[in-house]
Amino acid sequence: MPQPLSCLKMLRKSRGFQQTQEGAPDEERGQAMIVLITGASHAGKTLLAQRMLEEYGYPYLSIDHLKMGLIRSGNTSLTPEDDEELTEYLWPIVREMVKTAIENGQNLIVEGCYIPPWWRSDFDERYLQHIRFVCLAMSDEYIDTHFDEIRSHGSDIEKRLDDSGCTRDSLKADNRYYIESFSKHGEQVALIRSDYEEETSALLSTLLA
């Protein structure tokens, strides 16, 4: 089972392709890069996506925004509390959007907690070589040491309507879930251990190097 990595050691280069007339990927017709960002609550997924948007100019899709659009428009009876069912509902939509972006030679950042641990099995190698994946999580020690700071930054990018359920124990449980479930499926987890700014900045600088 892969062990969580520090954010300083995570990612490597890949190649790009674009869409042929038949809709199949063609490496000779341009480049596309998709960045999937998932992870535990309060781990900084949205902040990392926002920084990538500012740094690289890549379009940014928030799965939370997609979720709320579908819920508020009445296209689903699911509620924001139905996490497991929402993953089953949203992921096929997001998956096909990712494939379309790659076939069209377009870059895209996709961020949210509704990316399943087994996401990789839904793409063949022609697509996978154009996808960067980041799973962010925090160690128990980091949560214990920085809990008040973590809470205070919860609305840095988007306003959280109700954060009262965020406790040390709930935060640890959520982070452990992501570490264990994604590691079980062979994914590396970028684990924040000591200095959030330093580790996420290093991750950002190496992500598309």
Protein backbone atom coordinates (compact mmCIF):
# COMPACT_ATOMS: atom_id res chain seq x y z
CA MET A 1 0.00 0.00 0.00
CA PRO A 2 1.50 3.39 -0.97
CA GLN A 3 2.47 5.62 1.92
CA PRO A 4 1.41 9.28 2.04
CA LEU A 5 4.07 11.56 0.57
CA SER A 6 5.06 15.02 1.62
CA CYS A 7 3.84 17.68 -0.82
CA LEU A 8 7.49 18.23 -1.82
CA LYS A 9 7.80 14.82 -3.53
CA MET A 10 4.54 14.23 -5.39
CA LEU A 11 4.29 14.71 -9.13
CA ARG A 12 6.09 14.23 -12.44
CA LYS A 13 5.77 15.24 -16.11
CA SER A 14 3.32 13.89 -18.68
CA ARG A 15 2.50 14.42 -22.35
CA GLY A 16 -0.57 15.85 -24.10
CA PHE A 17 -2.93 15.01 -26.94
CA GLN A 18 -5.92 16.45 -28.73
CA GLN A 19 -9.04 15.17 -30.44
CA THR A 20 -9.07 13.65 -33.93
CA GLN A 21 -12.06 13.94 -36.27
CA GLU A 22 -13.30 10.59 -34.95
CA GLY A 23 -13.09 11.83 -31.34
CA ALA A 24 -10.14 9.66 -30.32
CA PRO A 25 -7.09 11.20 -28.63
CA ASP A 26 -4.22 12.10 -30.96
CA GLU A 27 -0.86 13.03 -29.44
CA GLU A 28 0.25 14.99 -32.51
CA ARG A 29 -2.47 17.60 -32.42
CA GLY A 30 -1.67 19.62 -29.33
CA GLN A 31 -1.57 19.28 -25.58
CA ALA A 32 -4.08 19.06 -22.79
CA MET A 33 -3.58 18.89 -19.06
CA ILE A 34 -6.24 18.05 -16.49
CA VAL A 35 -5.58 18.51 -12.78
CA LEU A 36 -7.89 16.62 -10.40
CA ILE A 37 -7.75 17.90 -6.83
CA THR A 38 -9.52 16.11 -4.01
CA GLY A 39 -8.98 15.58 -0.32
CA ALA A 40 -10.32 16.07 3.16
CA SER A 41 -12.39 18.97 4.40
CA HIS A 42 -10.31 22.07 5.24
CA ALA A 43 -7.21 20.56 3.60
CA GLY A 44 -6.93 23.42 1.11
CA LYS A 45 -8.35 21.92 -2.11
CA THR A 46 -10.10 25.11 -3.19
CA LEU A 47 -7.14 27.28 -2.24
CA LEU A 48 -4.76 25.14 -4.30
CA ALA A 49 -7.13 25.22 -7.28
CA GLN A 50 -7.46 29.01 -6.99
CA ARG A 51 -3.70 29.45 -6.87
CA MET A 52 -3.30 27.25 -9.94
CA LEU A 53 -5.88 29.31 -11.78
CA GLU A 54 -3.98 32.48 -10.93
CA GLU A 55 -0.56 30.98 -11.69
CA TYR A 56 -1.31 29.11 -14.93
CA GLY A 57 -4.59 30.58 -16.16
CA TYR A 58 -6.24 27.16 -16.39
CA PRO A 59 -10.06 27.10 -16.27
CA TYR A 60 -11.34 25.85 -12.92
CA LEU A 61 -14.38 23.65 -12.26
CA SER A 62 -15.65 23.36 -8.71
CA ILE A 63 -17.61 20.13 -8.29
CA ASP A 64 -19.39 21.82 -5.37
CA HIS A 65 -20.72 24.45 -7.77
CA LEU A 66 -21.88 21.75 -10.17
CA LYS A 67 -23.54 19.94 -7.25
CA MET A 68 -25.43 22.99 -6.04
CA GLY A 69 -26.51 23.93 -9.56
CA LEU A 70 -28.05 20.50 -10.06
CA ILE A 71 -29.67 20.50 -6.61
CA ARG A 72 -31.05 24.05 -6.76
CA SER A 73 -32.35 23.60 -10.31
CA GLY A 74 -34.35 20.55 -9.25
CA ASN A 75 -32.41 18.13 -11.47
CA THR A 76 -31.82 15.84 -8.48
CA SER A 77 -33.61 15.15 -5.21
CA LEU A 78 -30.29 14.64 -3.43
CA THR A 79 -29.24 17.10 -0.73
CA PRO A 80 -25.77 18.45 0.17
CA GLU A 81 -25.67 15.96 3.05
CA ASP A 82 -25.92 12.92 0.73
CA ASP A 83 -22.16 12.59 0.19
CA GLU A 84 -21.97 8.97 -0.95
CA GLU A 85 -24.93 9.25 -3.29
CA LEU A 86 -23.63 12.55 -4.65
CA THR A 87 -20.32 10.94 -5.57
CA GLU A 88 -22.18 8.24 -7.51
CA TYR A 89 -24.32 10.89 -9.20
CA LEU A 90 -21.68 13.54 -9.93
CA TRP A 91 -18.59 11.54 -10.81
CA PRO A 92 -19.89 10.13 -14.15
CA ILE A 93 -20.71 13.68 -15.24
CA VAL A 94 -17.31 15.01 -14.18
CA ARG A 95 -15.54 12.02 -15.74
CA GLU A 96 -17.06 12.66 -19.16
CA MET A 97 -16.30 16.39 -18.91
CA VAL A 98 -12.66 15.48 -18.26
CA LYS A 99 -12.56 13.17 -21.29
CA THR A 100 -14.14 15.84 -23.48
CA ALA A 101 -11.61 18.47 -22.34
CA ILE A 102 -8.71 16.12 -23.12
CA GLU A 103 -10.12 15.23 -26.54
CA ASN A 104 -10.52 18.93 -27.29
CA GLY A 105 -6.96 19.71 -26.19
CA GLN A 106 -8.13 21.92 -23.32
CA ASN A 107 -6.57 22.40 -19.90
CA LEU A 108 -8.83 22.14 -16.86
CA ILE A 109 -8.60 22.12 -13.07
CA VAL A 110 -11.30 20.04 -11.37
CA GLU A 111 -11.63 20.36 -7.60
CA GLY A 112 -13.90 18.74 -5.05
CA CYS A 113 -14.48 15.87 -2.67
CA TYR A 114 -16.66 13.88 -5.11
CA ILE A 115 -13.76 12.19 -6.90
CA PRO A 116 -13.82 8.50 -5.90
CA PRO A 117 -10.69 6.58 -4.83
CA TRP A 118 -11.09 4.30 -7.87
CA TRP A 119 -11.28 7.19 -10.36
CA ARG A 120 -8.27 5.96 -12.34
CA SER A 121 -10.07 2.78 -13.46
CA ASP A 122 -12.51 4.93 -15.48
CA PHE A 123 -9.79 6.12 -17.89
CA ASP A 124 -7.52 4.25 -20.27
CA GLU A 125 -3.87 5.19 -20.68
CA ARG A 126 -4.56 7.62 -23.54
CA TYR A 127 -6.41 9.80 -21.04
CA LEU A 128 -4.41 9.03 -17.91
CA GLN A 129 -1.18 10.41 -19.34
CA HIS A 130 -2.83 13.83 -19.41
CA ILE A 131 -4.24 13.80 -15.89
CA ARG A 132 -2.49 15.06 -12.79
CA PHE A 133 -4.04 13.92 -9.53
CA VAL A 134 -3.66 15.48 -6.09
CA CYS A 135 -5.21 14.19 -2.88
CA LEU A 136 -4.60 16.58 0.02
CA ALA A 137 -4.77 15.47 3.64
CA MET A 138 -3.41 16.59 7.00
CA SER A 139 -1.66 14.48 9.61
CA ASP A 140 -3.15 14.07 13.09
CA GLU A 141 -0.19 15.97 14.52
CA TYR A 142 -0.74 18.89 12.16
CA ILE A 143 -4.43 19.05 13.07
CA ASP A 144 -3.64 19.00 16.80
CA THR A 145 -1.06 21.76 16.46
CA HIS A 146 -2.92 24.00 14.01
CA PHE A 147 -6.61 23.32 14.65
CA ASP A 148 -7.62 26.92 15.42
CA GLU A 149 -5.68 28.16 12.41
CA ILE A 150 -7.33 25.55 10.17
CA ARG A 151 -10.77 26.68 11.33
CA SER A 152 -9.92 30.34 10.85
CA HIS A 153 -8.96 29.77 7.20
CA GLY A 154 -12.05 27.73 6.37
CA SER A 155 -13.63 30.54 4.34
CA ASP A 156 -10.55 32.04 2.70
CA ILE A 157 -11.76 31.30 -0.85
CA GLU A 158 -15.45 30.49 -0.47
CA LYS A 159 -17.74 31.27 2.44
CA ARG A 160 -18.77 28.26 4.53
CA LEU A 161 -22.35 28.72 5.64
CA ASP A 162 -22.01 26.47 8.70
CA ASP A 163 -18.70 25.17 10.03
CA SER A 164 -19.93 24.29 13.51
CA GLY A 165 -19.50 20.57 12.91
CA CYS A 166 -15.76 20.88 12.39
CA THR A 167 -14.04 19.46 15.48
CA ARG A 168 -10.59 18.00 16.00
CA ASP A 169 -12.04 14.50 16.03
CA SER A 170 -14.19 14.97 12.93
CA LEU A 171 -11.32 16.57 11.06
CA LYS A 172 -8.97 13.71 11.95
CA ALA A 173 -11.56 11.12 10.93
CA ASP A 174 -12.13 12.79 7.56
CA ASN A 175 -8.42 13.06 6.84
CA ARG A 176 -7.80 9.46 7.86
CA TYR A 177 -10.56 8.35 5.50
CA TYR A 178 -8.87 10.04 2.54
CA ILE A 179 -5.43 8.77 3.48
CA GLU A 180 -6.61 5.19 3.92
CA SER A 181 -9.10 4.93 1.05
CA PHE A 182 -6.94 6.55 -1.61
CA SER A 183 -3.80 4.71 -0.49
CA LYS A 184 -5.75 1.45 -0.66
CA HIS A 185 -6.46 2.16 -4.32
CA GLY A 186 -2.80 2.83 -5.09
CA GLU A 187 -2.91 6.63 -5.01
CA GLN A 188 -0.31 8.81 -3.35
CA VAL A 189 -1.58 11.30 -0.80
CA ALA A 190 0.07 14.70 -0.36
CA LEU A 191 0.23 14.85 3.41
CA ILE A 192 0.56 18.19 5.16
CA ARG A 193 2.76 17.56 8.18
CA SER A 194 4.24 20.81 9.46
CA ASP A 195 4.17 23.98 7.32
CA TYR A 196 1.07 24.39 5.17
CA GLU A 197 2.29 27.32 3.07
CA GLU A 198 5.70 25.81 2.38
CA GLU A 199 4.39 22.37 1.49
CA THR A 200 1.50 23.51 -0.71
CA SER A 201 3.68 26.11 -2.44
CA ALA A 202 6.20 23.38 -3.25
CA LEU A 203 3.39 21.18 -4.57
CA LEU A 204 2.11 24.00 -6.76
CA SER A 205 5.56 24.72 -8.18
CA THR A 206 6.14 21.09 -9.17
CA LEU A 207 2.63 20.20 -10.30
CA LEU A 208 3.02 21.24 -13.94
CA ALA A 209 6.82 21.41 -14.13
